[in-house]
């Protein structure tokens, strides 16, 4: 296991989100009422900061508020909270990472 969160973010690129994880993401979106946009950035022409990450826009703006990804080769999920109080958190599952934004999945 890497020593720091910075090492995880810098050394391990995001892996692709698999179909089962996409289903979970769609279920979460359907239950999280005030989340306006969720998508998985998957085009190589996308912003490299977003590529292969789950992009979440909650609230009234149109800018991402959270980025979630699973580092390739590791069994964890990284959630980046964007804004004036930026945070990086590690989770053991996508469900837990999503529920940390809106707790709607059992």
Foldseek 3Di string as FASTA:
>chain_A
DDDDPVCLPPPFAFDAQDPVNVVVVVVLVVQPPQWDDWDQADDPPPDSVRHRWIFTHGDDDDHTQWTKGDGPPDQWMWIWGDDPPTDIDIGRDPLVVSVVVPNGDD
